[in-house]
């Protein structure tokens, strides 16, 4: 497991493909509807992103809106681990680094919207101290909204 590295989400085909792969499971959103220009303008330029590399291959990513006006804190916009790397601590590693990075930026409150039936991600966030606020219907999908207060003294790692 020591062959991993956290990098910045950048304008690179492997990172963009991982981002698109993360949307394949979301009903009503299809990765092909995102043009490269849309992704660069709306995602790469406006969100703080981290990529988990295993060897040299990107296997996970987080995108965070650092100034979410909807939540008055940071919003964990996307959290994705490629299917073949799930349930192998990669999610915990990536979330640990993401939260530490947010603390260094003096972010005190983090929110996450997760599809209601995404049990693995909900379970991981709860292990890291996120608390459910409410469930919200959007179109035909139900999302669970969670939040976590973070501070310098907060223990983050669950590894």
N, C-alpha and C. Protein backbone atom coordinates (compact mmCIF):
# COMPACT_ATOMS: atom_id res chain seq x y z
N UNK A 1 0.82 -1.20 0.00
CA UNK A 1 0.00 0.00 0.00
C UNK A 1 0.86 1.26 0.00
N UNK A 2 2.15 1.13 0.18
CA UNK A 2 3.01 2.31 0.24
C UNK A 2 3.34 2.87 -1.13
N UNK A 3 2.83 2.27 -2.19
CA UNK A 3 3.13 2.72 -3.54
C UNK A 3 2.09 3.73 -4.03
N UNK A 4 1.59 4.59 -3.13
CA UNK A 4 0.61 5.58 -3.55
C UNK A 4 1.18 6.98 -3.36
N UNK A 5 0.57 7.93 -4.05
CA UNK A 5 0.97 9.33 -3.95
C UNK A 5 -0.28 10.17 -4.19
N UNK A 6 -0.36 11.31 -3.52
CA UNK A 6 -1.46 12.24 -3.74
C UNK A 6 -0.93 13.37 -4.62
N UNK A 7 -1.66 13.64 -5.69
CA UNK A 7 -1.27 14.72 -6.59
C UNK A 7 -2.41 15.68 -6.79
N UNK A 8 -2.14 16.75 -7.49
CA UNK A 8 -3.15 17.75 -7.80
C UNK A 8 -3.93 17.30 -9.04
N UNK A 9 -5.25 17.51 -9.01
CA UNK A 9 -6.09 17.24 -10.18
C UNK A 9 -5.73 18.29 -11.22
N UNK A 10 -5.26 17.84 -12.38
CA UNK A 10 -4.80 18.77 -13.41
C UNK A 10 -5.45 18.45 -14.75
N UNK A 11 -5.24 19.34 -15.69
CA UNK A 11 -5.78 19.20 -17.03
C UNK A 11 -4.92 18.20 -17.79
N UNK A 12 -5.27 16.94 -17.61
CA UNK A 12 -4.53 15.83 -18.20
C UNK A 12 -5.53 14.74 -18.54
N UNK A 13 -5.39 14.08 -19.70
CA UNK A 13 -6.40 13.09 -20.12
C UNK A 13 -6.71 12.02 -19.08
N UNK A 14 -5.72 11.47 -18.39
CA UNK A 14 -6.00 10.42 -17.40
C UNK A 14 -6.85 10.95 -16.24
N UNK A 15 -6.61 12.18 -15.82
CA UNK A 15 -7.40 12.77 -14.73
C UNK A 15 -8.82 13.06 -15.21
N UNK A 16 -8.96 13.60 -16.42
CA UNK A 16 -10.28 13.91 -16.97
C UNK A 16 -11.08 12.62 -17.15
N UNK A 17 -10.45 11.57 -17.64
CA UNK A 17 -11.15 10.29 -17.81
C UNK A 17 -11.62 9.73 -16.47
N UNK A 18 -10.82 9.88 -15.42
CA UNK A 18 -11.22 9.43 -14.09
C UNK A 18 -12.43 10.23 -13.61
N UNK A 19 -12.42 11.54 -13.86
CA UNK A 19 -13.56 12.39 -13.52
C UNK A 19 -14.83 11.90 -14.23
N UNK A 20 -14.73 11.65 -15.53
CA UNK A 20 -15.89 11.18 -16.29
C UNK A 20 -16.35 9.81 -15.80
N UNK A 21 -15.40 8.94 -15.48
CA UNK A 21 -15.73 7.61 -14.97
C UNK A 21 -16.56 7.71 -13.69
N UNK A 22 -16.28 8.71 -12.89
CA UNK A 22 -17.00 8.92 -11.64
C UNK A 22 -18.46 9.24 -11.84
N UNK A 23 -18.83 9.71 -13.02
CA UNK A 23 -20.22 10.06 -13.29
C UNK A 23 -21.02 8.94 -13.92
N UNK A 24 -20.38 7.86 -14.29
CA UNK A 24 -21.10 6.78 -14.96
C UNK A 24 -22.20 6.18 -14.09
N UNK A 25 -22.02 6.19 -12.78
CA UNK A 25 -22.98 5.56 -11.87
C UNK A 25 -24.11 6.48 -11.45
N UNK A 26 -24.06 7.75 -11.84
CA UNK A 26 -25.07 8.70 -11.39
C UNK A 26 -26.19 8.77 -12.43
N UNK A 27 -27.39 8.42 -12.00
CA UNK A 27 -28.53 8.41 -12.89
C UNK A 27 -28.83 9.82 -13.39
N UNK A 28 -29.01 9.96 -14.69
CA UNK A 28 -29.38 11.25 -15.26
C UNK A 28 -28.19 12.10 -15.66
N UNK A 29 -26.98 11.72 -15.30
CA UNK A 29 -25.79 12.46 -15.70
C UNK A 29 -24.89 11.50 -16.46
N UNK A 30 -24.57 11.86 -17.66
CA UNK A 30 -23.75 10.99 -18.49
C UNK A 30 -22.43 11.67 -18.80
N UNK A 31 -21.32 10.95 -18.68
CA UNK A 31 -20.01 11.58 -18.87
C UNK A 31 -19.82 12.19 -20.24
N UNK A 32 -20.49 11.68 -21.27
CA UNK A 32 -20.31 12.22 -22.62
C UNK A 32 -20.94 13.59 -22.78
N UNK A 33 -21.83 14.00 -21.86
CA UNK A 33 -22.44 15.32 -21.99
C UNK A 33 -21.47 16.41 -21.56
N UNK A 34 -20.36 16.07 -20.91
CA UNK A 34 -19.36 17.04 -20.53
C UNK A 34 -18.37 17.22 -21.67
N UNK A 35 -18.30 18.41 -22.24
CA UNK A 35 -17.26 18.66 -23.24
C UNK A 35 -15.97 18.95 -22.49
N UNK A 36 -14.87 18.81 -23.16
CA UNK A 36 -13.58 19.12 -22.53
C UNK A 36 -13.53 20.58 -22.08
N UNK A 37 -14.14 21.46 -22.86
CA UNK A 37 -14.17 22.88 -22.50
C UNK A 37 -14.98 23.08 -21.21
N UNK A 38 -16.13 22.40 -21.11
CA UNK A 38 -16.94 22.48 -19.89
C UNK A 38 -16.15 22.02 -18.67
N UNK A 39 -15.46 20.90 -18.84
CA UNK A 39 -14.71 20.34 -17.71
C UNK A 39 -13.61 21.31 -17.29
N UNK A 40 -12.89 21.86 -18.26
CA UNK A 40 -11.82 22.78 -17.88
C UNK A 40 -12.37 24.04 -17.24
N UNK A 41 -13.39 24.63 -17.85
CA UNK A 41 -13.92 25.90 -17.34
C UNK A 41 -14.59 25.74 -15.98
N UNK A 42 -15.43 24.71 -15.84
CA UNK A 42 -16.24 24.58 -14.64
C UNK A 42 -15.64 23.71 -13.55
N UNK A 43 -14.77 22.81 -13.89
CA UNK A 43 -14.25 21.88 -12.90
C UNK A 43 -12.80 22.19 -12.56
N UNK A 44 -11.92 22.06 -13.51
CA UNK A 44 -10.49 22.23 -13.24
C UNK A 44 -10.20 23.63 -12.71
N UNK A 45 -10.82 24.65 -13.30
CA UNK A 45 -10.51 26.02 -12.92
C UNK A 45 -11.20 26.47 -11.63
N UNK A 46 -12.31 25.84 -11.26
CA UNK A 46 -13.11 26.33 -10.13
C UNK A 46 -13.10 25.45 -8.89
N UNK A 47 -12.56 24.25 -8.97
CA UNK A 47 -12.59 23.35 -7.84
C UNK A 47 -11.17 22.94 -7.44
N UNK A 48 -11.01 22.68 -6.16
CA UNK A 48 -9.74 22.19 -5.65
C UNK A 48 -9.78 20.67 -5.77
N UNK A 49 -8.87 20.11 -6.51
CA UNK A 49 -8.91 18.68 -6.75
C UNK A 49 -7.64 17.96 -6.33
N UNK A 50 -7.83 16.73 -5.87
CA UNK A 50 -6.73 15.85 -5.50
C UNK A 50 -6.94 14.52 -6.22
N UNK A 51 -5.83 13.93 -6.65
CA UNK A 51 -5.85 12.64 -7.34
C UNK A 51 -4.98 11.67 -6.56
N UNK A 52 -5.49 10.47 -6.36
CA UNK A 52 -4.72 9.40 -5.72
C UNK A 52 -4.09 8.57 -6.83
N UNK A 53 -2.77 8.51 -6.81
CA UNK A 53 -2.02 7.72 -7.78
C UNK A 53 -1.53 6.45 -7.11
N UNK A 54 -1.73 5.33 -7.76
CA UNK A 54 -1.19 4.05 -7.29
C UNK A 54 -0.18 3.64 -8.34
N UNK A 55 1.09 3.68 -7.98
CA UNK A 55 2.13 3.62 -8.98
C UNK A 55 2.05 4.93 -9.73
N UNK A 56 1.85 4.89 -11.02
CA UNK A 56 1.68 6.12 -11.80
C UNK A 56 0.25 6.28 -12.30
N UNK A 57 -0.61 5.34 -11.95
CA UNK A 57 -1.99 5.34 -12.45
C UNK A 57 -2.93 6.06 -11.48
N UNK A 58 -3.72 7.04 -11.99
CA UNK A 58 -4.72 7.67 -11.13
C UNK A 58 -5.86 6.69 -10.84
N UNK A 59 -6.15 6.46 -9.56
CA UNK A 59 -7.18 5.50 -9.18
C UNK A 59 -8.31 6.13 -8.35
N UNK A 60 -8.16 7.39 -7.95
CA UNK A 60 -9.20 8.05 -7.18
C UNK A 60 -9.06 9.55 -7.26
N UNK A 61 -10.16 10.27 -7.00
CA UNK A 61 -10.07 11.73 -7.00
C UNK A 61 -11.11 12.32 -6.07
N UNK A 62 -10.79 13.50 -5.59
CA UNK A 62 -11.75 14.34 -4.88
C UNK A 62 -11.73 15.71 -5.53
N UNK A 63 -12.91 16.30 -5.65
CA UNK A 63 -13.03 17.69 -6.08
C UNK A 63 -13.81 18.41 -4.99
N UNK A 64 -13.29 19.54 -4.57
CA UNK A 64 -13.89 20.28 -3.47
C UNK A 64 -14.12 21.72 -3.88
N UNK A 65 -15.34 22.19 -3.66
CA UNK A 65 -15.67 23.60 -3.85
C UNK A 65 -15.33 24.27 -2.53
N UNK A 66 -14.27 25.07 -2.53
CA UNK A 66 -13.79 25.67 -1.27
C UNK A 66 -14.68 26.80 -0.76
N UNK A 67 -15.53 27.35 -1.62
CA UNK A 67 -16.37 28.48 -1.22
C UNK A 67 -17.81 28.22 -1.59
N UNK A 68 -18.34 27.10 -1.17
CA UNK A 68 -19.71 26.74 -1.51
C UNK A 68 -20.69 27.70 -0.87
N UNK A 69 -21.36 28.50 -1.69
CA UNK A 69 -22.34 29.45 -1.14
C UNK A 69 -23.57 28.72 -0.62
N UNK A 70 -23.84 27.54 -1.16
CA UNK A 70 -25.00 26.78 -0.70
C UNK A 70 -24.82 26.30 0.73
N UNK A 71 -23.58 26.06 1.14
CA UNK A 71 -23.35 25.46 2.45
C UNK A 71 -22.55 26.32 3.42
N UNK A 72 -22.02 27.44 2.99
CA UNK A 72 -21.18 28.28 3.85
C UNK A 72 -20.01 27.50 4.42
N UNK A 73 -19.39 26.73 3.60
CA UNK A 73 -18.23 25.93 3.95
C UNK A 73 -17.75 25.27 2.68
N UNK A 74 -16.86 24.34 2.80
CA UNK A 74 -16.40 23.60 1.62
C UNK A 74 -17.38 22.48 1.32
N UNK A 75 -17.52 22.17 0.04
CA UNK A 75 -18.38 21.06 -0.36
C UNK A 75 -17.52 20.01 -1.06
N UNK A 76 -17.57 18.79 -0.56
CA UNK A 76 -16.92 17.68 -1.23
C UNK A 76 -17.79 17.35 -2.45
N UNK A 77 -17.42 17.90 -3.58
CA UNK A 77 -18.22 17.86 -4.80
C UNK A 77 -18.18 16.48 -5.45
N UNK A 78 -17.00 15.88 -5.50
CA UNK A 78 -16.89 14.54 -6.06
C UNK A 78 -15.85 13.75 -5.28
N UNK A 79 -16.20 12.51 -4.97
CA UNK A 79 -15.30 11.57 -4.31
C UNK A 79 -15.44 10.27 -5.08
N UNK A 80 -14.35 9.84 -5.69
CA UNK A 80 -14.45 8.67 -6.56
C UNK A 80 -13.19 7.81 -6.45
N UNK A 81 -13.41 6.51 -6.33
CA UNK A 81 -12.34 5.51 -6.37
C UNK A 81 -12.72 4.53 -7.48
N UNK A 82 -11.78 4.22 -8.38
CA UNK A 82 -12.09 3.30 -9.47
C UNK A 82 -12.52 1.95 -8.90
N UNK A 83 -13.45 1.27 -9.56
CA UNK A 83 -14.03 0.04 -9.01
C UNK A 83 -13.02 -1.01 -8.57
N UNK A 84 -11.96 -1.20 -9.33
CA UNK A 84 -10.98 -2.24 -8.98
C UNK A 84 -10.12 -1.88 -7.77
N UNK A 85 -10.24 -0.64 -7.27
CA UNK A 85 -9.45 -0.22 -6.10
C UNK A 85 -10.32 0.07 -4.88
N UNK A 86 -11.58 -0.25 -4.95
CA UNK A 86 -12.48 -0.03 -3.81
C UNK A 86 -12.26 -1.13 -2.77
N UNK A 87 -12.61 -0.81 -1.53
CA UNK A 87 -12.51 -1.74 -0.40
C UNK A 87 -11.07 -2.19 -0.15
N UNK A 88 -10.11 -1.34 -0.49
CA UNK A 88 -8.69 -1.66 -0.27
C UNK A 88 -7.98 -0.49 0.40
N UNK A 89 -8.66 0.30 1.17
CA UNK A 89 -8.12 1.43 1.91
C UNK A 89 -7.85 2.66 1.06
N UNK A 90 -8.04 2.59 -0.25
CA UNK A 90 -7.76 3.75 -1.08
C UNK A 90 -8.69 4.92 -0.75
N UNK A 91 -9.96 4.63 -0.48
CA UNK A 91 -10.90 5.69 -0.11
C UNK A 91 -10.48 6.38 1.17
N UNK A 92 -10.05 5.60 2.17
CA UNK A 92 -9.60 6.18 3.44
C UNK A 92 -8.35 7.03 3.25
N UNK A 93 -7.43 6.56 2.43
CA UNK A 93 -6.20 7.32 2.18
C UNK A 93 -6.53 8.65 1.51
N UNK A 94 -7.37 8.61 0.48
CA UNK A 94 -7.71 9.83 -0.24
C UNK A 94 -8.49 10.80 0.63
N UNK A 95 -9.45 10.31 1.39
CA UNK A 95 -10.25 11.18 2.24
C UNK A 95 -9.38 11.79 3.35
N UNK A 96 -8.48 11.02 3.91
CA UNK A 96 -7.56 11.54 4.94
C UNK A 96 -6.76 12.72 4.38
N UNK A 97 -6.17 12.55 3.22
CA UNK A 97 -5.37 13.63 2.63
C UNK A 97 -6.22 14.83 2.25
N UNK A 98 -7.42 14.58 1.76
CA UNK A 98 -8.31 15.69 1.38
C UNK A 98 -8.68 16.52 2.60
N UNK A 99 -9.05 15.86 3.70
CA UNK A 99 -9.44 16.60 4.91
C UNK A 99 -8.25 17.34 5.52
N UNK A 100 -7.08 16.72 5.51
CA UNK A 100 -5.88 17.41 6.01
C UNK A 100 -5.58 18.65 5.18
N UNK A 101 -5.74 18.52 3.87
CA UNK A 101 -5.52 19.65 2.98
C UNK A 101 -6.51 20.78 3.28
N UNK A 102 -7.76 20.44 3.53
CA UNK A 102 -8.77 21.46 3.85
C UNK A 102 -8.44 22.14 5.18
N UNK A 103 -7.97 21.37 6.16
CA UNK A 103 -7.58 21.96 7.44
C UNK A 103 -6.44 22.96 7.25
N UNK A 104 -5.46 22.60 6.42
CA UNK A 104 -4.35 23.51 6.16
C UNK A 104 -4.82 24.80 5.50
N UNK A 105 -5.92 24.75 4.81
CA UNK A 105 -6.50 25.94 4.17
C UNK A 105 -7.47 26.66 5.12
N UNK A 106 -7.50 26.21 6.37
CA UNK A 106 -8.32 26.79 7.43
C UNK A 106 -9.82 26.69 7.16
N UNK A 107 -10.20 25.64 6.44
CA UNK A 107 -11.63 25.33 6.24
C UNK A 107 -12.10 24.66 7.53
N UNK A 108 -13.23 25.10 8.05
CA UNK A 108 -13.71 24.55 9.32
C UNK A 108 -14.94 23.65 9.18
N UNK A 109 -15.59 23.74 8.03
CA UNK A 109 -16.83 22.99 7.84
C UNK A 109 -16.85 22.40 6.44
N UNK A 110 -17.13 21.09 6.36
CA UNK A 110 -17.16 20.39 5.07
C UNK A 110 -18.51 19.69 4.93
N UNK A 111 -19.09 19.83 3.75
CA UNK A 111 -20.35 19.18 3.44
C UNK A 111 -20.15 18.18 2.32
N UNK A 112 -21.00 17.19 2.25
CA UNK A 112 -20.99 16.22 1.15
C UNK A 112 -22.42 15.86 0.80
N UNK A 113 -22.70 15.80 -0.50
CA UNK A 113 -23.98 15.29 -1.02
C UNK A 113 -23.67 13.91 -1.59
N UNK A 114 -24.35 12.90 -1.12
CA UNK A 114 -24.09 11.54 -1.58
C UNK A 114 -25.42 10.91 -1.96
N UNK A 115 -25.45 10.20 -3.09
CA UNK A 115 -26.68 9.52 -3.43
C UNK A 115 -27.07 8.58 -2.29
N UNK A 116 -28.33 8.59 -1.95
CA UNK A 116 -28.88 7.88 -0.81
C UNK A 116 -28.51 6.39 -0.80
N UNK A 117 -28.42 5.79 -1.98
CA UNK A 117 -28.13 4.36 -2.05
C UNK A 117 -26.63 4.04 -2.20
N UNK A 118 -25.78 5.04 -2.09
CA UNK A 118 -24.34 4.82 -2.18
C UNK A 118 -23.80 4.47 -0.79
N UNK A 119 -24.11 3.27 -0.35
CA UNK A 119 -23.78 2.83 1.02
C UNK A 119 -22.28 2.85 1.32
N UNK A 120 -21.39 2.42 0.39
CA UNK A 120 -19.96 2.45 0.73
C UNK A 120 -19.43 3.86 1.05
N UNK A 121 -19.83 4.85 0.23
CA UNK A 121 -19.35 6.21 0.48
C UNK A 121 -19.98 6.77 1.75
N UNK A 122 -21.26 6.54 1.96
CA UNK A 122 -21.90 7.01 3.19
C UNK A 122 -21.23 6.40 4.42
N UNK A 123 -20.93 5.12 4.36
CA UNK A 123 -20.27 4.44 5.47
C UNK A 123 -18.89 5.03 5.75
N UNK A 124 -18.12 5.28 4.68
CA UNK A 124 -16.78 5.84 4.85
C UNK A 124 -16.86 7.23 5.47
N UNK A 125 -17.75 8.07 4.96
CA UNK A 125 -17.87 9.42 5.51
C UNK A 125 -18.29 9.39 6.97
N UNK A 126 -19.17 8.50 7.33
CA UNK A 126 -19.59 8.38 8.73
C UNK A 126 -18.43 7.92 9.61
N UNK A 127 -17.59 7.02 9.10
CA UNK A 127 -16.40 6.59 9.86
C UNK A 127 -15.46 7.75 10.12
N UNK A 128 -15.46 8.72 9.22
CA UNK A 128 -14.60 9.89 9.35
C UNK A 128 -15.29 11.03 10.12
N UNK A 129 -16.43 10.76 10.70
CA UNK A 129 -17.08 11.75 11.55
C UNK A 129 -18.10 12.65 10.88
N UNK A 130 -18.45 12.38 9.63
CA UNK A 130 -19.50 13.17 8.98
C UNK A 130 -20.84 12.75 9.58
N UNK A 131 -21.71 13.73 9.78
CA UNK A 131 -23.04 13.48 10.33
C UNK A 131 -24.11 13.83 9.30
N UNK A 132 -25.13 12.98 9.24
CA UNK A 132 -26.25 13.20 8.32
C UNK A 132 -27.05 14.41 8.78
N UNK A 133 -27.35 15.31 7.83
CA UNK A 133 -28.20 16.46 8.11
C UNK A 133 -29.63 16.16 7.66
N UNK A 134 -29.76 15.74 6.39
CA UNK A 134 -31.09 15.48 5.83
C UNK A 134 -30.97 14.70 4.54
N UNK A 135 -32.10 14.21 4.08
CA UNK A 135 -32.20 13.61 2.75
C UNK A 135 -32.97 14.60 1.88
N UNK A 136 -32.58 14.68 0.62
CA UNK A 136 -33.15 15.68 -0.27
C UNK A 136 -33.43 15.04 -1.63
N UNK A 137 -34.60 15.27 -2.16
CA UNK A 137 -34.99 14.74 -3.48
C UNK A 137 -34.56 15.73 -4.55
N UNK A 138 -33.87 15.23 -5.59
CA UNK A 138 -33.50 16.05 -6.75
C UNK A 138 -33.83 15.24 -7.99
N UNK A 139 -34.85 15.66 -8.70
CA UNK A 139 -35.30 14.87 -9.85
C UNK A 139 -35.77 13.52 -9.36
N UNK A 140 -35.21 12.46 -9.92
CA UNK A 140 -35.60 11.11 -9.49
C UNK A 140 -34.60 10.52 -8.48
N UNK A 141 -33.63 11.32 -8.05
CA UNK A 141 -32.61 10.83 -7.11
C UNK A 141 -32.80 11.42 -5.72
N UNK A 142 -32.46 10.62 -4.72
CA UNK A 142 -32.46 11.09 -3.34
C UNK A 142 -31.01 11.21 -2.90
N UNK A 143 -30.67 12.34 -2.32
CA UNK A 143 -29.31 12.58 -1.84
C UNK A 143 -29.33 12.73 -0.33
N UNK A 144 -28.30 12.22 0.31
CA UNK A 144 -28.10 12.44 1.74
C UNK A 144 -27.06 13.54 1.88
N UNK A 145 -27.39 14.56 2.66
CA UNK A 145 -26.48 15.66 2.90
C UNK A 145 -25.81 15.40 4.26
N UNK A 146 -24.49 15.46 4.27
CA UNK A 146 -23.72 15.24 5.50
C UNK A 146 -22.81 16.42 5.75
N UNK A 147 -22.39 16.60 7.01
CA UNK A 147 -21.44 17.66 7.31
C UNK A 147 -20.45 17.18 8.36
N UNK A 148 -19.29 17.86 8.38
CA UNK A 148 -18.25 17.57 9.36
C UNK A 148 -17.55 18.87 9.69
N UNK A 149 -17.39 19.13 11.00
CA UNK A 149 -16.55 20.24 11.45
C UNK A 149 -15.13 19.73 11.56
N UNK A 150 -14.19 20.48 11.03
CA UNK A 150 -12.80 20.07 11.14
C UNK A 150 -12.01 21.20 11.77
N UNK A 151 -10.99 20.84 12.51
CA UNK A 151 -10.09 21.81 13.15
C UNK A 151 -8.73 21.16 13.25
N UNK A 152 -7.73 21.93 13.56
CA UNK A 152 -6.35 21.41 13.63
C UNK A 152 -6.21 20.23 14.55
N UNK A 153 -6.98 20.17 15.64
CA UNK A 153 -6.85 19.09 16.62
C UNK A 153 -7.71 17.87 16.30
N UNK A 154 -8.50 17.94 15.24
CA UNK A 154 -9.39 16.84 14.89
C UNK A 154 -8.57 15.64 14.42
N UNK A 155 -8.87 14.48 14.96
CA UNK A 155 -8.23 13.25 14.48
C UNK A 155 -8.97 12.84 13.22
N UNK A 156 -8.22 12.70 12.14
CA UNK A 156 -8.84 12.39 10.86
C UNK A 156 -8.63 10.96 10.45
N UNK A 157 -7.44 10.47 10.56
CA UNK A 157 -7.10 9.18 10.00
C UNK A 157 -7.84 8.03 10.69
N UNK A 158 -8.44 7.19 9.86
CA UNK A 158 -9.12 5.99 10.36
C UNK A 158 -8.36 4.75 9.90
N UNK A 159 -7.18 4.94 9.36
CA UNK A 159 -6.39 3.83 8.82
C UNK A 159 -5.69 3.12 9.95
